[in-house]
Amino acid sequence: MAGGDNARAHLRIYGQVQGVFFRASTESEARRLGLTGWVRNRPDGSVEVVAEGPKATLEELAAWCRHGPPRAQVDRLDVEWSEASGEFSGFRTSR
């Protein structure tokens, strides 16, 4: 997957984002978009996402993460961009 217009987005989502199916919904959305990577809960109550794919598609995922699933309340979204590594074969929930 590395190369071309592919990129990596490292997202941190803050707010009421745990216990509201944020991880499962993010995994479903990322797979729908054809992205690779992972999503996990963080001990501080945030959700962390690392995703790779076309930058425009990653921007779609980031836009989705700004509101998340229906019961989520997102207060802040931080995104760091870097080059894609091509290390992922799919998208999964991580513990």
C-alpha atoms as a PDB file:
ATOM      1  CA  MET A   1       0.000   0.000   0.000  1.00  0.00           C
ATOM      2  CA  ALA A   2       2.931   2.407   0.455  1.00  0.00           C
ATOM      3  CA  GLY A   3       3.483   4.886  -2.310  1.00  0.00           C
ATOM      4  CA  GLY A   4       1.196   6.780  -4.672  1.00  0.00           C
ATOM      5  CA  ASP A   5      -1.174   9.127  -2.921  1.00  0.00           C
ATOM      6  CA  ASN A   6      -1.381   6.893   0.152  1.00  0.00           C
ATOM      7  CA  ALA A   7      -0.767   8.411   3.555  1.00  0.00           C
ATOM      8  CA  ARG A   8      -1.051   7.543   7.236  1.00  0.00           C
ATOM      9  CA  ALA A   9      -3.331   9.350   9.639  1.00  0.00           C
ATOM     10  CA  HIS A  10      -2.845   9.022  13.396  1.00  0.00           C
ATOM     11  CA  LEU A  11      -6.025  10.243  15.074  1.00  0.00           C
ATOM     12  CA  ARG A  12      -6.839  10.834  18.745  1.00  0.00           C
ATOM     13  CA  ILE A  13     -10.487  11.424  19.548  1.00  0.00           C
ATOM     14  CA  TYR A  14     -11.483  12.971  22.881  1.00  0.00           C
ATOM     15  CA  GLY A  15     -14.848  13.329  24.591  1.00  0.00           C
ATOM     16  CA  GLN A  16     -17.542  10.748  25.364  1.00  0.00           C
ATOM     17  CA  VAL A  17     -16.021   8.189  23.005  1.00  0.00           C
ATOM     18  CA  GLN A  18     -15.713   5.022  25.087  1.00  0.00           C
ATOM     19  CA  GLY A  19     -18.678   2.810  25.882  1.00  0.00           C
ATOM     20  CA  VAL A  20     -20.637   4.167  22.891  1.00  0.00           C
ATOM     21  CA  PHE A  21     -19.478   1.676  20.208  1.00  0.00           C
ATOM     22  CA  PHE A  22     -16.911   4.145  18.833  1.00  0.00           C
ATOM     23  CA  ARG A  23     -14.280   1.463  18.138  1.00  0.00           C
ATOM     24  CA  ALA A  24     -16.656  -0.947  16.420  1.00  0.00           C
ATOM     25  CA  SER A  25     -18.244   1.851  14.404  1.00  0.00           C
ATOM     26  CA  THR A  26     -14.844   3.233  13.398  1.00  0.00           C
ATOM     27  CA  GLU A  27     -13.698  -0.231  12.308  1.00  0.00           C
ATOM     28  CA  SER A  28     -16.847  -0.619  10.205  1.00  0.00           C
ATOM     29  CA  GLU A  29     -16.443   2.836   8.633  1.00  0.00           C
ATOM     30  CA  ALA A  30     -12.734   2.289   7.881  1.00  0.00           C
ATOM     31  CA  ARG A  31     -13.461  -1.061   6.246  1.00  0.00           C
ATOM     32  CA  ARG A  32     -16.291   0.493   4.223  1.00  0.00           C
ATOM     33  CA  LEU A  33     -13.808   3.106   3.007  1.00  0.00           C
ATOM     34  CA  GLY A  34     -11.209   0.421   2.162  1.00  0.00           C
ATOM     35  CA  LEU A  35      -8.626   1.663   4.666  1.00  0.00           C
ATOM     36  CA  THR A  36      -6.139  -0.395   6.667  1.00  0.00           C
ATOM     37  CA  GLY A  37      -4.923   0.044  10.245  1.00  0.00           C
ATOM     38  CA  TRP A  38      -6.392  -0.229  13.733  1.00  0.00           C
ATOM     39  CA  VAL A  39      -8.490   1.479  16.416  1.00  0.00           C
ATOM     40  CA  ARG A  40      -8.209   1.161  20.214  1.00  0.00           C
ATOM     41  CA  ASN A  41      -9.343   2.709  23.475  1.00  0.00           C
ATOM     42  CA  ARG A  42      -6.725   4.613  25.471  1.00  0.00           C
ATOM     43  CA  PRO A  43      -6.461   4.598  29.284  1.00  0.00           C
ATOM     44  CA  ASP A  44      -7.160   8.368  29.368  1.00  0.00           C
ATOM     45  CA  GLY A  45     -10.643   7.819  27.899  1.00  0.00           C
ATOM     46  CA  SER A  46      -9.744   8.780  24.326  1.00  0.00           C
ATOM     47  CA  VAL A  47      -9.837   6.611  21.212  1.00  0.00           C
ATOM     48  CA  GLU A  48      -6.748   6.224  19.009  1.00  0.00           C
ATOM     49  CA  VAL A  49      -6.828   5.369  15.303  1.00  0.00           C
ATOM     50  CA  VAL A  50      -3.974   4.639  12.904  1.00  0.00           C
ATOM     51  CA  ALA A  51      -5.188   4.306   9.336  1.00  0.00           C
ATOM     52  CA  GLU A  52      -3.563   4.139   5.908  1.00  0.00           C
ATOM     53  CA  GLY A  53      -4.942   4.701   2.438  1.00  0.00           C
ATOM     54  CA  PRO A  54      -5.556   7.516  -0.033  1.00  0.00           C
ATOM     55  CA  LYS A  55      -5.342  10.880   1.742  1.00  0.00           C
ATOM     56  CA  ALA A  56      -8.787  11.979   0.532  1.00  0.00           C
ATOM     57  CA  THR A  57     -10.297   8.787   1.973  1.00  0.00           C
ATOM     58  CA  LEU A  58      -8.433   9.267   5.260  1.00  0.00           C
ATOM     59  CA  GLU A  59      -9.898  12.768   5.393  1.00  0.00           C
ATOM     60  CA  GLU A  60     -13.365  11.170   5.037  1.00  0.00           C
ATOM     61  CA  LEU A  61     -12.615   8.927   8.014  1.00  0.00           C
ATOM     62  CA  ALA A  62     -11.372  11.905  10.046  1.00  0.00           C
ATOM     63  CA  ALA A  63     -14.551  13.832   9.186  1.00  0.00           C
ATOM     64  CA  TRP A  64     -16.627  10.845  10.354  1.00  0.00           C
ATOM     65  CA  CYS A  65     -14.602  10.665  13.583  1.00  0.00           C
ATOM     66  CA  ARG A  66     -15.471  14.311  14.334  1.00  0.00           C
ATOM     67  CA  HIS A  67     -18.969  13.110  15.291  1.00  0.00           C
ATOM     68  CA  GLY A  68     -18.669   9.295  15.519  1.00  0.00           C
ATOM     69  CA  PRO A  69     -21.608   6.986  16.229  1.00  0.00           C
ATOM     70  CA  PRO A  70     -24.933   8.366  17.541  1.00  0.00           C
ATOM     71  CA  ARG A  71     -24.171   8.131  21.290  1.00  0.00           C
ATOM     72  CA  ALA A  72     -20.682   9.661  21.042  1.00  0.00           C
ATOM     73  CA  GLN A  73     -19.885  13.253  21.910  1.00  0.00           C
ATOM     74  CA  VAL A  74     -16.592  14.301  20.347  1.00  0.00           C
ATOM     75  CA  ASP A  75     -14.937  17.284  22.019  1.00  0.00           C
ATOM     76  CA  ARG A  76     -11.652  17.244  20.106  1.00  0.00           C
ATOM     77  CA  LEU A  77      -9.961  15.422  17.238  1.00  0.00           C
ATOM     78  CA  ASP A  78      -6.195  15.558  16.730  1.00  0.00           C
ATOM     79  CA  VAL A  79      -4.698  14.299  13.453  1.00  0.00           C
ATOM     80  CA  GLU A  80      -1.040  13.726  12.607  1.00  0.00           C
ATOM     81  CA  TRP A  81      -0.130  12.932   8.997  1.00  0.00           C
ATOM     82  CA  SER A  82       2.805  10.872   7.770  1.00  0.00           C
ATOM     83  CA  GLU A  83       3.797   8.591   4.905  1.00  0.00           C
ATOM     84  CA  ALA A  84       2.064   5.234   4.595  1.00  0.00           C
ATOM     85  CA  SER A  85       4.175   2.248   5.641  1.00  0.00           C
ATOM     86  CA  GLY A  86       2.040  -0.432   3.975  1.00  0.00           C
ATOM     87  CA  GLU A  87       2.355  -2.594   7.099  1.00  0.00           C
ATOM     88  CA  PHE A  88      -1.370  -3.354   7.518  1.00  0.00           C
ATOM     89  CA  SER A  89      -3.353  -5.981   5.643  1.00  0.00           C
ATOM     90  CA  GLY A  90      -6.792  -4.914   6.896  1.00  0.00           C
ATOM     91  CA  PHE A  91      -8.482  -2.830   9.562  1.00  0.00           C
ATOM     92  CA  ARG A  92      -9.042  -4.183  13.079  1.00  0.00           C
ATOM     93  CA  THR A  93      -9.919  -3.268  16.625  1.00  0.00           C
ATOM     94  CA  SER A  94      -6.889  -3.482  18.913  1.00  0.00           C
ATOM     95  CA  ARG A  95      -6.848  -3.919  22.685  1.00  0.00           C
END
